[in-house]
Amino acid sequence: MVEESYPENIKRGEKTKYRLARSMKECMKSTSVENITVKQITENCGLTRQTFYRNFLDKYDLINWYFDKLLVKSFEHMGQGKTVYDALVKKFTYIQEEQTFFSASFRYDDQNSLRQHDFELILAFYENLICEKTGKVPEENIHYMLEMYCQSSIYMTVKWVTGEVTCTPEELASMLVDGMPGKLTELFTELEILS
């Protein structure tokens, strides 16, 4: 049985989701994501399949939900006047703390994958941030640069979380900031979100 501890300030009704996420993490210690079943997840935490499906579409939806919780924390930092570097460090620190979970999750790259989900979230975040700071939707060329940058960011995140690249969250964040295309660097500097 998975231990019952929840993040501070948990919203009412999310305890079940966190319980299922903890169970999924436990299953990942011995089984690949593709081979984990909803039955395993629910039996491990003493819940029913019906409860699982009331909360999630499938196990990948659960993984993406849990990742969203981590990303929200790192994005909040940027919204509080922090830099892209600070937000990336926070994101990678959270991922590092959940190494087993994210190593297994990022290895899967098919339907409803965390890689695609992470890409969509960070692209939308950067585009919304630009829109908030400038009052207009990013131009098409900026959108395409953001797409390239976000894809390469995900690629390096996967290499790092799966152990192909070894460095600290700070070093990885520095690499990603240094690897940002020139036009994005100029724009982000102008918007005062790069240090």
N, C-alpha and C. Protein backbone atom coordinates (compact mmCIF):
# COMPACT_ATOMS: atom_id res chain seq x y z
N MET A 1 0.84 -1.18 0.00
CA MET A 1 0.00 0.00 0.00
C MET A 1 0.89 1.25 0.00
N VAL A 2 0.50 2.26 -0.73
CA VAL A 2 1.26 3.50 -0.85
C VAL A 2 0.96 4.39 0.34
N GLU A 3 2.01 5.07 0.86
CA GLU A 3 1.80 5.94 2.02
C GLU A 3 0.92 7.13 1.67
N GLU A 4 0.19 7.62 2.65
CA GLU A 4 -0.77 8.70 2.44
C GLU A 4 -0.19 10.03 2.92
N SER A 5 0.47 10.76 2.04
CA SER A 5 0.89 12.13 2.36
C SER A 5 0.61 12.96 1.12
N TYR A 6 0.19 14.18 1.33
CA TYR A 6 -0.24 15.01 0.22
C TYR A 6 0.49 16.34 0.26
N PRO A 7 0.63 17.00 -0.91
CA PRO A 7 1.26 18.31 -0.94
C PRO A 7 0.49 19.30 -0.07
N GLU A 8 1.21 20.33 0.40
CA GLU A 8 0.54 21.37 1.17
C GLU A 8 -0.48 22.07 0.28
N ASN A 9 -1.51 22.60 0.90
CA ASN A 9 -2.55 23.37 0.20
C ASN A 9 -3.24 22.57 -0.90
N ILE A 10 -3.35 21.26 -0.72
CA ILE A 10 -4.02 20.43 -1.73
C ILE A 10 -5.49 20.82 -1.81
N LYS A 11 -5.98 20.93 -3.02
CA LYS A 11 -7.38 21.26 -3.21
C LYS A 11 -8.22 20.05 -2.84
N ARG A 12 -9.34 20.34 -2.24
CA ARG A 12 -10.26 19.26 -1.88
C ARG A 12 -10.66 18.49 -3.14
N GLY A 13 -10.71 17.22 -3.04
CA GLY A 13 -11.08 16.41 -4.20
C GLY A 13 -9.88 15.92 -5.00
N GLU A 14 -8.69 16.46 -4.74
CA GLU A 14 -7.51 16.02 -5.48
C GLU A 14 -6.74 14.93 -4.75
N LYS A 15 -7.13 14.62 -3.53
CA LYS A 15 -6.41 13.59 -2.77
C LYS A 15 -6.43 12.26 -3.50
N THR A 16 -7.55 11.92 -4.11
CA THR A 16 -7.66 10.67 -4.85
C THR A 16 -6.69 10.66 -6.03
N LYS A 17 -6.59 11.79 -6.72
CA LYS A 17 -5.67 11.87 -7.86
C LYS A 17 -4.22 11.70 -7.41
N TYR A 18 -3.86 12.35 -6.32
CA TYR A 18 -2.50 12.20 -5.80
C TYR A 18 -2.25 10.77 -5.34
N ARG A 19 -3.26 10.15 -4.78
CA ARG A 19 -3.14 8.76 -4.33
C ARG A 19 -2.88 7.84 -5.52
N LEU A 20 -3.59 8.07 -6.61
CA LEU A 20 -3.38 7.29 -7.83
C LEU A 20 -2.00 7.57 -8.44
N ALA A 21 -1.57 8.83 -8.39
CA ALA A 21 -0.24 9.18 -8.92
C ALA A 21 0.85 8.48 -8.11
N ARG A 22 0.71 8.47 -6.79
CA ARG A 22 1.68 7.77 -5.95
C ARG A 22 1.73 6.28 -6.28
N SER A 23 0.57 5.71 -6.50
CA SER A 23 0.50 4.30 -6.85
C SER A 23 1.17 4.04 -8.19
N MET A 24 0.94 4.92 -9.15
CA MET A 24 1.57 4.79 -10.47
C MET A 24 3.09 4.85 -10.31
N LYS A 25 3.57 5.78 -9.49
CA LYS A 25 5.02 5.90 -9.26
C LYS A 25 5.57 4.61 -8.66
N GLU A 26 4.82 4.02 -7.77
CA GLU A 26 5.24 2.76 -7.13
C GLU A 26 5.33 1.65 -8.18
N CYS A 27 4.34 1.57 -9.04
CA CYS A 27 4.33 0.55 -10.10
C CYS A 27 5.51 0.74 -11.07
N MET A 28 5.89 1.99 -11.31
CA MET A 28 6.97 2.29 -12.24
C MET A 28 8.33 1.78 -11.76
N LYS A 29 8.44 1.52 -10.48
CA LYS A 29 9.71 1.02 -9.95
C LYS A 29 10.04 -0.37 -10.47
N SER A 30 9.02 -1.12 -10.86
CA SER A 30 9.26 -2.49 -11.29
C SER A 30 8.69 -2.82 -12.68
N THR A 31 7.90 -1.90 -13.25
CA THR A 31 7.22 -2.19 -14.52
C THR A 31 7.31 -0.98 -15.45
N SER A 32 7.51 -1.23 -16.75
CA SER A 32 7.54 -0.11 -17.71
C SER A 32 6.15 0.49 -17.82
N VAL A 33 6.09 1.75 -18.21
CA VAL A 33 4.81 2.46 -18.33
C VAL A 33 3.86 1.70 -19.24
N GLU A 34 4.36 1.21 -20.36
CA GLU A 34 3.49 0.51 -21.32
C GLU A 34 2.83 -0.71 -20.71
N ASN A 35 3.51 -1.36 -19.75
CA ASN A 35 3.01 -2.61 -19.18
C ASN A 35 2.22 -2.44 -17.88
N ILE A 36 2.18 -1.24 -17.36
CA ILE A 36 1.39 -1.00 -16.14
C ILE A 36 -0.08 -0.97 -16.52
N THR A 37 -0.90 -1.63 -15.72
CA THR A 37 -2.33 -1.65 -15.99
C THR A 37 -3.06 -0.79 -14.95
N VAL A 38 -4.24 -0.36 -15.32
CA VAL A 38 -5.09 0.39 -14.38
C VAL A 38 -5.39 -0.49 -13.17
N LYS A 39 -5.57 -1.77 -13.40
CA LYS A 39 -5.84 -2.70 -12.30
C LYS A 39 -4.69 -2.68 -11.29
N GLN A 40 -3.44 -2.71 -11.77
CA GLN A 40 -2.28 -2.65 -10.88
C GLN A 40 -2.29 -1.35 -10.06
N ILE A 41 -2.55 -0.26 -10.75
CA ILE A 41 -2.53 1.05 -10.09
C ILE A 41 -3.58 1.09 -8.98
N THR A 42 -4.79 0.65 -9.30
CA THR A 42 -5.87 0.74 -8.31
C THR A 42 -5.70 -0.26 -7.17
N GLU A 43 -5.25 -1.46 -7.48
CA GLU A 43 -5.04 -2.45 -6.42
C GLU A 43 -3.95 -2.00 -5.46
N ASN A 44 -2.92 -1.35 -5.99
CA ASN A 44 -1.79 -0.89 -5.18
C ASN A 44 -2.20 0.17 -4.15
N CYS A 45 -3.24 0.94 -4.48
CA CYS A 45 -3.64 2.01 -3.55
C CYS A 45 -5.02 1.78 -2.94
N GLY A 46 -5.62 0.61 -3.21
CA GLY A 46 -6.89 0.28 -2.59
C GLY A 46 -8.09 1.02 -3.14
N LEU A 47 -8.02 1.45 -4.39
CA LEU A 47 -9.16 2.12 -5.03
C LEU A 47 -9.72 1.22 -6.13
N THR A 48 -10.85 1.59 -6.65
CA THR A 48 -11.49 0.80 -7.71
C THR A 48 -11.15 1.37 -9.09
N ARG A 49 -11.32 0.52 -10.10
CA ARG A 49 -11.12 0.99 -11.49
C ARG A 49 -12.11 2.12 -11.79
N GLN A 50 -13.32 2.00 -11.25
CA GLN A 50 -14.34 3.03 -11.48
C GLN A 50 -13.84 4.38 -10.94
N THR A 51 -13.22 4.36 -9.77
CA THR A 51 -12.67 5.60 -9.20
C THR A 51 -11.57 6.15 -10.11
N PHE A 52 -10.73 5.26 -10.60
CA PHE A 52 -9.67 5.69 -11.52
C PHE A 52 -10.27 6.41 -12.71
N TYR A 53 -11.26 5.78 -13.36
CA TYR A 53 -11.83 6.35 -14.59
C TYR A 53 -12.72 7.56 -14.33
N ARG A 54 -13.13 7.77 -13.11
CA ARG A 54 -13.82 9.02 -12.76
C ARG A 54 -12.84 10.19 -12.75
N ASN A 55 -11.58 9.88 -12.53
CA ASN A 55 -10.55 10.91 -12.41
C ASN A 55 -9.67 11.07 -13.64
N PHE A 56 -9.44 9.98 -14.37
CA PHE A 56 -8.51 10.02 -15.52
C PHE A 56 -9.05 9.20 -16.68
N LEU A 57 -8.67 9.60 -17.90
CA LEU A 57 -9.05 8.86 -19.09
C LEU A 57 -8.28 7.55 -19.19
N ASP A 58 -6.99 7.61 -18.86
CA ASP A 58 -6.11 6.45 -18.90
C ASP A 58 -4.85 6.76 -18.09
N LYS A 59 -3.90 5.83 -18.06
CA LYS A 59 -2.70 6.03 -17.24
C LYS A 59 -1.85 7.20 -17.75
N TYR A 60 -1.92 7.49 -19.04
CA TYR A 60 -1.15 8.61 -19.59
C TYR A 60 -1.76 9.94 -19.17
N ASP A 61 -3.06 9.96 -19.06
CA ASP A 61 -3.75 11.15 -18.56
C ASP A 61 -3.32 11.42 -17.11
N LEU A 62 -3.17 10.37 -16.32
CA LEU A 62 -2.69 10.49 -14.94
C LEU A 62 -1.28 11.07 -14.93
N ILE A 63 -0.39 10.53 -15.77
CA ILE A 63 1.00 11.03 -15.86
C ILE A 63 1.00 12.50 -16.23
N ASN A 64 0.22 12.87 -17.23
CA ASN A 64 0.17 14.27 -17.67
C ASN A 64 -0.39 15.18 -16.60
N TRP A 65 -1.40 14.72 -15.87
CA TRP A 65 -1.96 15.52 -14.77
C TRP A 65 -0.90 15.79 -13.72
N TYR A 66 -0.16 14.77 -13.34
CA TYR A 66 0.86 14.92 -12.32
C TYR A 66 1.96 15.88 -12.79
N PHE A 67 2.34 15.75 -14.04
CA PHE A 67 3.34 16.66 -14.61
C PHE A 67 2.84 18.10 -14.60
N ASP A 68 1.55 18.28 -14.92
CA ASP A 68 0.96 19.62 -14.89
C ASP A 68 1.13 20.27 -13.52
N LYS A 69 0.94 19.49 -12.48
CA LYS A 69 1.08 20.00 -11.11
C LYS A 69 2.49 20.53 -10.89
N LEU A 70 3.48 19.84 -11.43
CA LEU A 70 4.87 20.30 -11.28
C LEU A 70 5.13 21.53 -12.13
N LEU A 71 4.63 21.54 -13.34
CA LEU A 71 4.87 22.68 -14.22
C LEU A 71 4.22 23.95 -13.70
N VAL A 72 3.04 23.83 -13.13
CA VAL A 72 2.36 25.01 -12.60
C VAL A 72 3.25 25.71 -11.58
N LYS A 73 3.91 24.92 -10.74
CA LYS A 73 4.80 25.51 -9.73
C LYS A 73 5.95 26.27 -10.38
N SER A 74 6.57 25.69 -11.41
CA SER A 74 7.69 26.38 -12.03
C SER A 74 7.21 27.60 -12.84
N PHE A 75 6.05 27.50 -13.47
CA PHE A 75 5.52 28.63 -14.23
C PHE A 75 5.11 29.78 -13.30
N GLU A 76 4.65 29.45 -12.10
CA GLU A 76 4.29 30.50 -11.15
C GLU A 76 5.50 31.38 -10.84
N HIS A 77 6.67 30.78 -10.79
CA HIS A 77 7.88 31.55 -10.53
C HIS A 77 8.11 32.59 -11.60
N MET A 78 7.93 32.21 -12.85
CA MET A 78 8.14 33.16 -13.92
C MET A 78 7.09 34.27 -13.85
N GLY A 79 5.87 33.91 -13.50
CA GLY A 79 4.81 34.89 -13.37
C GLY A 79 5.04 35.88 -12.23
N GLN A 80 5.90 35.50 -11.28
CA GLN A 80 6.21 36.38 -10.15
C GLN A 80 7.45 37.22 -10.43
N GLY A 81 7.78 37.41 -11.69
CA GLY A 81 8.90 38.27 -12.04
C GLY A 81 10.22 37.54 -12.11
N LYS A 82 10.22 36.22 -12.01
CA LYS A 82 11.45 35.46 -12.13
C LYS A 82 11.79 35.30 -13.61
N THR A 83 12.98 34.79 -13.87
CA THR A 83 13.44 34.65 -15.25
C THR A 83 13.13 33.26 -15.81
N VAL A 84 13.34 33.11 -17.12
CA VAL A 84 13.20 31.81 -17.77
C VAL A 84 14.14 30.82 -17.09
N TYR A 85 15.36 31.25 -16.82
CA TYR A 85 16.34 30.39 -16.15
C TYR A 85 15.80 29.90 -14.80
N ASP A 86 15.27 30.81 -14.00
CA ASP A 86 14.73 30.42 -12.68
C ASP A 86 13.60 29.40 -12.82
N ALA A 87 12.71 29.63 -13.77
CA ALA A 87 11.58 28.71 -13.97
C ALA A 87 12.08 27.34 -14.42
N LEU A 88 13.08 27.32 -15.30
CA LEU A 88 13.63 26.05 -15.76
C LEU A 88 14.32 25.29 -14.62
N VAL A 89 15.06 26.01 -13.80
CA VAL A 89 15.72 25.36 -12.66
C VAL A 89 14.67 24.73 -11.76
N LYS A 90 13.61 25.47 -11.49
CA LYS A 90 12.53 24.95 -10.64
C LYS A 90 11.91 23.70 -11.26
N LYS A 91 11.61 23.76 -12.55
CA LYS A 91 11.01 22.62 -13.25
C LYS A 91 11.93 21.40 -13.16
N PHE A 92 13.22 21.58 -13.46
CA PHE A 92 14.15 20.45 -13.47
C PHE A 92 14.41 19.92 -12.06
N THR A 93 14.33 20.79 -11.07
CA THR A 93 14.48 20.33 -9.68
C THR A 93 13.31 19.44 -9.30
N TYR A 94 12.09 19.84 -9.67
CA TYR A 94 10.91 19.01 -9.41
C TYR A 94 11.03 17.67 -10.14
N ILE A 95 11.46 17.72 -11.39
CA ILE A 95 11.61 16.48 -12.16
C ILE A 95 12.65 15.58 -11.50
N GLN A 96 13.76 16.17 -11.07
CA GLN A 96 14.82 15.39 -10.42
C GLN A 96 14.32 14.72 -9.14
N GLU A 97 13.48 15.42 -8.39
CA GLU A 97 12.93 14.87 -7.16
C GLU A 97 12.02 13.68 -7.44
N GLU A 98 11.48 13.62 -8.64
CA GLU A 98 10.59 12.53 -9.05
C GLU A 98 11.24 11.72 -10.17
N GLN A 99 12.54 11.48 -10.05
CA GLN A 99 13.36 10.85 -11.09
C GLN A 99 12.74 9.56 -11.65
N THR A 100 12.34 8.65 -10.79
CA THR A 100 11.81 7.36 -11.25
C THR A 100 10.56 7.57 -12.10
N PHE A 101 9.66 8.40 -11.61
CA PHE A 101 8.42 8.68 -12.30
C PHE A 101 8.67 9.28 -13.69
N PHE A 102 9.50 10.31 -13.75
CA PHE A 102 9.69 11.01 -15.02
C PHE A 102 10.61 10.26 -15.97
N SER A 103 11.56 9.53 -15.45
CA SER A 103 12.41 8.72 -16.32
C SER A 103 11.54 7.71 -17.07
N ALA A 104 10.66 7.05 -16.36
CA ALA A 104 9.75 6.07 -16.99
C ALA A 104 8.76 6.77 -17.92
N SER A 105 8.23 7.90 -17.49
CA SER A 105 7.20 8.60 -18.28
C SER A 105 7.75 9.17 -19.57
N PHE A 106 8.95 9.75 -19.53
CA PHE A 106 9.51 10.36 -20.73
C PHE A 106 10.01 9.33 -21.74
N ARG A 107 10.23 8.10 -21.31
CA ARG A 107 10.67 7.06 -22.26
C ARG A 107 9.55 6.68 -23.23
N TYR A 108 8.32 6.84 -22.80
CA TYR A 108 7.16 6.51 -23.63
C TYR A 108 6.89 7.68 -24.57
N ASP A 109 6.80 7.40 -25.88
CA ASP A 109 6.65 8.49 -26.84
C ASP A 109 5.56 8.22 -27.88
N ASP A 110 4.50 7.55 -27.47
CA ASP A 110 3.40 7.29 -28.41
C ASP A 110 2.19 8.13 -28.03
N GLN A 111 1.01 7.55 -28.17
CA GLN A 111 -0.25 8.24 -27.90
C GLN A 111 -0.25 8.90 -26.53
N ASN A 112 -0.70 10.16 -26.48
CA ASN A 112 -0.90 10.87 -25.22
C ASN A 112 0.37 10.92 -24.36
N SER A 113 1.54 11.03 -25.01
CA SER A 113 2.81 10.95 -24.29
C SER A 113 3.10 12.23 -23.51
N LEU A 114 3.92 12.07 -22.48
CA LEU A 114 4.34 13.21 -21.67
C LEU A 114 5.20 14.16 -22.50
N ARG A 115 5.99 13.64 -23.43
CA ARG A 115 6.81 14.51 -24.28
C ARG A 115 5.93 15.51 -25.04
N GLN A 116 4.88 14.99 -25.67
CA GLN A 116 3.99 15.86 -26.44
C GLN A 116 3.26 16.82 -25.51
N HIS A 117 2.83 16.31 -24.39
CA HIS A 117 2.10 17.13 -23.43
C HIS A 117 2.98 18.27 -22.91
N ASP A 118 4.22 17.96 -22.56
CA ASP A 118 5.16 18.97 -22.08
C ASP A 118 5.39 20.03 -23.16
N PHE A 119 5.58 19.57 -24.40
CA PHE A 119 5.78 20.50 -25.52
C PHE A 119 4.60 21.47 -25.64
N GLU A 120 3.39 20.93 -25.64
CA GLU A 120 2.20 21.77 -25.80
C GLU A 120 2.07 22.78 -24.66
N LEU A 121 2.36 22.32 -23.44
CA LEU A 121 2.26 23.22 -22.28
C LEU A 121 3.27 24.35 -22.33
N ILE A 122 4.53 24.02 -22.61
CA ILE A 122 5.53 25.09 -22.57
C ILE A 122 5.39 26.04 -23.75
N LEU A 123 5.00 25.51 -24.90
CA LEU A 123 4.75 26.39 -26.05
C LEU A 123 3.63 27.37 -25.73
N ALA A 124 2.53 26.87 -25.20
CA ALA A 124 1.40 27.73 -24.84
C ALA A 124 1.81 28.73 -23.76
N PHE A 125 2.61 28.28 -22.81
CA PHE A 125 3.05 29.17 -21.74
C PHE A 125 3.85 30.33 -22.31
N TYR A 126 4.85 30.03 -23.14
CA TYR A 126 5.68 31.10 -23.71
C TYR A 126 4.85 32.04 -24.58
N GLU A 127 3.95 31.48 -25.39
CA GLU A 127 3.12 32.33 -26.25
C GLU A 127 2.19 33.22 -25.41
N ASN A 128 1.61 32.67 -24.36
CA ASN A 128 0.75 33.47 -23.48
C ASN A 128 1.55 34.55 -22.75
N LEU A 129 2.75 34.20 -22.33
CA LEU A 129 3.61 35.17 -21.65
C LEU A 129 3.95 36.34 -22.58
N ILE A 130 4.30 36.03 -23.82
CA ILE A 130 4.60 37.08 -24.80
C ILE A 130 3.37 37.94 -25.02
N CYS A 131 2.23 37.31 -25.16
CA CYS A 131 0.98 38.04 -25.37
C CYS A 131 0.66 38.96 -24.19
N GLU A 132 0.84 38.45 -22.96
CA GLU A 132 0.59 39.27 -21.77
C GLU A 132 1.53 40.47 -21.70
N LYS A 133 2.80 40.24 -22.04
CA LYS A 133 3.81 41.30 -21.91
C LYS A 133 3.73 42.33 -23.04
N THR A 134 3.30 41.89 -24.24
CA THR A 134 3.27 42.80 -25.39
C THR A 134 1.87 43.25 -25.77
N GLY A 135 0.85 42.51 -25.32
CA GLY A 135 -0.52 42.84 -25.68
C GLY A 135 -0.93 42.31 -27.04
N LYS A 136 -0.07 41.48 -27.65
CA LYS A 136 -0.44 40.92 -28.95
C LYS A 136 0.10 39.49 -29.09
N VAL A 137 -0.54 38.74 -29.97
CA VAL A 137 -0.15 37.36 -30.25
C VAL A 137 1.22 37.38 -30.93
N PRO A 138 2.10 36.44 -30.59
CA PRO A 138 3.41 36.41 -31.24
C PRO A 138 3.29 36.27 -32.76
N GLU A 139 4.19 36.92 -33.48
CA GLU A 139 4.20 36.81 -34.94
C GLU A 139 4.53 35.37 -35.33
N GLU A 140 4.19 35.05 -36.58
CA GLU A 140 4.37 33.67 -37.05
C GLU A 140 5.82 33.20 -36.92
N ASN A 141 6.79 34.05 -37.28
CA ASN A 141 8.19 33.62 -37.19
C ASN A 141 8.61 33.36 -35.74
N ILE A 142 8.07 34.12 -34.80
CA ILE A 142 8.35 33.89 -33.38
C ILE A 142 7.71 32.58 -32.93
N HIS A 143 6.49 32.34 -33.41
CA HIS A 143 5.80 31.07 -33.09
C HIS A 143 6.65 29.88 -33.53
N TYR A 144 7.17 29.92 -34.75
CA TYR A 144 7.96 28.79 -35.26
C TYR A 144 9.28 28.65 -34.50
N MET A 145 9.89 29.76 -34.13
CA MET A 145 11.11 29.69 -33.32
C MET A 145 10.81 29.08 -31.95
N LEU A 146 9.67 29.47 -31.38
CA LEU A 146 9.26 28.89 -30.09
C LEU A 146 9.03 27.39 -30.22
N GLU A 147 8.40 26.97 -31.32
CA GLU A 147 8.19 25.54 -31.54
C GLU A 147 9.53 24.80 -31.58
N MET A 148 10.49 25.33 -32.34
CA MET A 148 11.80 24.68 -32.43
C MET A 148 12.49 24.66 -31.07
N TYR A 149 12.44 25.79 -30.39
CA TYR A 149 13.09 25.88 -29.09
C TYR A 149 12.45 24.93 -28.08
N CYS A 150 11.13 24.87 -28.06
CA CYS A 150 10.44 23.97 -27.12
C CYS A 150 10.73 22.51 -27.44
N GLN A 151 10.76 22.15 -28.72
CA GLN A 151 11.08 20.76 -29.10
C GLN A 151 12.50 20.40 -28.66
N SER A 152 13.45 21.28 -28.89
CA SER A 152 14.83 20.97 -28.48
C SER A 152 14.95 20.95 -26.95
N SER A 153 14.18 21.77 -26.28
CA SER A 153 14.15 21.77 -24.82
C SER A 153 13.65 20.43 -24.29
N ILE A 154 12.59 19.90 -24.90
CA ILE A 154 12.04 18.60 -24.50
C ILE A 154 13.08 17.51 -24.77
N TYR A 155 13.70 17.58 -25.93
CA TYR A 155 14.71 16.59 -26.30
C TYR A 155 15.82 16.52 -25.24
N MET A 156 16.34 17.67 -24.82
CA MET A 156 17.40 17.69 -23.82
C MET A 156 16.87 17.27 -22.44
N THR A 157 15.64 17.61 -22.14
CA THR A 157 15.04 17.20 -20.86
C THR A 157 14.97 15.68 -20.80
N VAL A 158 14.54 15.05 -21.89
CA VAL A 158 14.45 13.59 -21.94
C VAL A 158 15.83 12.96 -21.78
N LYS A 159 16.82 13.50 -22.50
CA LYS A 159 18.19 12.96 -22.39
C LYS A 159 18.69 13.08 -20.94
N TRP A 160 18.35 14.16 -20.30
CA TRP A 160 18.80 14.39 -18.93
C TRP A 160 18.08 13.47 -17.94
N VAL A 161 16.77 13.40 -18.04
CA VAL A 161 15.99 12.63 -17.06
C VAL A 161 16.23 11.12 -17.21
N THR A 162 16.60 10.69 -18.42
CA THR A 162 16.88 9.26 -18.62
C THR A 162 18.36 8.93 -18.40
N GLY A 163 19.15 9.91 -18.02
CA GLY A 163 20.55 9.66 -17.66
C GLY A 163 21.55 9.73 -18.79
N GLU A 164 21.12 10.09 -19.99
CA GLU A 164 22.06 10.21 -21.11
C GLU A 164 22.94 11.45 -20.97
N VAL A 165 22.43 12.46 -20.32
CA VAL A 165 23.18 13.69 -20.03
C VAL A 165 23.19 13.83 -18.52
N THR A 166 24.37 14.03 -17.95
CA THR A 166 24.45 14.19 -16.50
C THR A 166 24.91 15.60 -16.17
N CYS A 167 24.04 16.30 -15.47
CA CYS A 167 24.33 17.65 -15.01
C CYS A 167 23.30 18.04 -13.97
N THR A 168 23.50 19.16 -13.33
CA THR A 168 22.56 19.64 -12.33
C THR A 168 21.39 20.35 -13.02
N PRO A 169 20.29 20.56 -12.31
CA PRO A 169 19.20 21.35 -12.89
C PRO A 169 19.67 22.73 -13.34
N GLU A 170 20.56 23.33 -12.58
CA GLU A 170 21.08 24.66 -12.93
C GLU A 170 21.88 24.62 -14.23
N GLU A 171 22.70 23.58 -14.39
CA GLU A 171 23.51 23.45 -15.61
C GLU A 171 22.62 23.21 -16.82
N LEU A 172 21.60 22.37 -16.66
CA LEU A 172 20.68 22.11 -17.77
C LEU A 172 19.91 23.38 -18.14
N ALA A 173 19.45 24.12 -17.14
CA ALA A 173 18.75 25.38 -17.41
C ALA A 173 19.66 26.35 -18.15
N SER A 174 20.92 26.43 -17.75
CA SER A 174 21.88 27.31 -18.44
C SER A 174 22.06 26.91 -19.89
N MET A 175 22.18 25.58 -20.13
CA MET A 175 22.33 25.09 -21.51
C MET A 175 21.14 25.52 -22.36
N LEU A 176 19.93 25.37 -21.81
CA LEU A 176 18.73 25.70 -22.58
C LEU A 176 18.60 27.20 -22.82
N VAL A 177 18.98 28.00 -21.84
CA VAL A 177 18.94 29.45 -22.04
C VAL A 177 20.00 29.86 -23.07
N ASP A 178 21.21 29.28 -22.96
CA ASP A 178 22.29 29.60 -23.91
C ASP A 178 21.95 29.13 -25.32
N GLY A 179 21.14 28.06 -25.44
CA GLY A 179 20.79 27.52 -26.74
C GLY A 179 19.58 28.17 -27.38
N MET A 180 19.04 29.18 -26.73
CA MET A 180 17.85 29.86 -27.26
C MET A 180 18.21 30.62 -28.55
N PRO A 181 17.37 30.52 -29.59
CA PRO A 181 17.62 31.27 -30.83
C PRO A 181 17.76 32.78 -30.55
N GLY A 182 18.60 33.43 -31.32
CA GLY A 182 18.91 34.85 -31.14
C GLY A 182 17.69 35.75 -31.04
N LYS A 183 16.73 35.57 -31.95
CA LYS A 183 15.55 36.44 -31.94
C LYS A 183 14.73 36.25 -30.66
N LEU A 184 14.66 35.00 -30.16
CA LEU A 184 13.94 34.76 -28.91
C LEU A 184 14.70 35.38 -27.74
N THR A 185 16.02 35.28 -27.78
CA THR A 185 16.84 35.88 -26.73
C THR A 185 16.60 37.39 -26.69
N GLU A 186 16.60 38.01 -27.85
CA GLU A 186 16.33 39.46 -27.93
C GLU A 186 14.96 39.80 -27.37
N LEU A 187 13.96 39.04 -27.79
CA LEU A 187 12.59 39.30 -27.35
C LEU A 187 12.45 39.10 -25.85
N PHE A 188 12.97 38.00 -25.33
CA PHE A 188 12.86 37.70 -23.91
C PHE A 188 13.65 38.69 -23.06
N THR A 189 14.77 39.19 -23.60
CA THR A 189 15.53 40.21 -22.89
C THR A 189 14.73 41.51 -22.83
N GLU A 190 14.13 41.84 -23.96
CA GLU A 190 13.27 43.04 -24.04
C GLU A 190 12.10 42.95 -23.07
N LEU A 191 11.55 41.74 -22.92
CA LEU A 191 10.42 41.53 -22.01
C LEU A 191 10.85 41.35 -20.56
N GLU A 192 12.16 41.41 -20.34
CA GLU A 192 12.76 41.32 -19.01
C GLU A 192 12.49 39.99 -18.31
N ILE A 193 12.57 38.89 -19.09
CA ILE A 193 12.44 37.56 -18.49
C ILE A 193 13.69 36.71 -18.70
N LEU A 194 14.75 37.32 -19.22
CA LEU A 194 16.05 36.67 -19.29
C LEU A 194 17.00 37.46 -18.41
N SER A 195 17.88 36.71 -17.73
CA SER A 195 18.84 37.43 -16.85
C SER A 195 20.07 37.81 -17.63
